[in-house]
Protein backbone atom coordinates (compact mmCIF):
# COMPACT_ATOMS: atom_id res chain seq x y z
CA MET A 1 15.72 -15.91 -5.81
CA SER A 2 14.36 -19.16 -7.16
CA THR A 3 10.66 -19.93 -7.25
CA GLU A 4 11.14 -22.80 -4.79
CA GLU A 5 12.82 -20.44 -2.35
CA LEU A 6 9.99 -17.92 -2.67
CA ILE A 7 7.37 -20.61 -2.06
CA ALA A 8 9.26 -21.81 1.02
CA LEU A 9 9.31 -18.27 2.41
CA ILE A 10 5.57 -17.65 2.15
CA GLY A 11 4.97 -18.18 5.86
CA TYR A 12 7.82 -15.89 6.87
CA VAL A 13 7.05 -12.74 4.88
CA GLU A 14 6.11 -9.72 6.97
CA GLU A 15 2.55 -8.53 6.42
CA PRO A 16 3.52 -5.13 4.91
CA LYS A 17 5.54 -6.94 2.23
CA MET A 18 3.07 -9.76 1.55
CA GLU A 19 1.15 -8.07 -1.29
CA ARG A 20 4.30 -7.43 -3.31
CA PHE A 21 5.61 -10.90 -2.51
CA LEU A 22 2.42 -12.63 -3.66
CA LYS A 23 2.32 -10.50 -6.80
CA GLU A 24 5.79 -11.77 -7.69
CA LEU A 25 4.74 -15.39 -7.16
CA THR A 26 1.55 -14.92 -9.16
CA GLN A 27 3.58 -13.52 -12.05
CA ARG A 28 5.79 -16.61 -11.97
CA PHE A 29 2.89 -19.07 -11.77
CA GLU A 30 2.62 -19.77 -15.52
CA GLN A 31 6.33 -20.60 -15.67
CA MET A 32 6.24 -22.97 -12.69
CA ASN A 33 6.52 -26.68 -13.23
CA ASP A 34 3.85 -29.00 -11.81
CA GLU A 35 5.74 -29.58 -8.56
CA GLN A 36 6.18 -25.86 -7.96
CA LYS A 37 2.52 -25.20 -8.74
CA ALA A 38 1.47 -27.88 -6.25
CA LEU A 39 3.69 -26.35 -3.54
CA TYR A 40 2.34 -22.88 -4.30
CA GLU A 41 -1.27 -24.02 -4.18
CA ALA A 42 -0.71 -25.93 -0.91
CA GLU A 43 0.88 -22.89 0.72
CA LYS A 44 -1.86 -20.64 -0.64
CA GLN A 45 -4.59 -22.87 0.84
CA ARG A 46 -2.75 -23.09 4.17
CA ARG A 47 -2.43 -19.31 4.29
CA GLU A 48 -6.10 -18.80 3.44
CA SER A 49 -7.20 -21.28 6.11
CA ARG A 50 -5.18 -19.40 8.74
CA GLU A 51 -6.85 -16.15 7.73
CA ASN A 52 -10.35 -17.58 8.20
């Protein structure tokens, strides 16, 4: 699955699978281009704000 597809799926991953899913994205972070990093960071902030 492409990085863009993974980023787009962040909000749809079931909680039991989230840790593994985020680990995969974190591993890919250094290889992401600037656009992908921006999408990832935006989704990460949105997710964190929902948790608080």
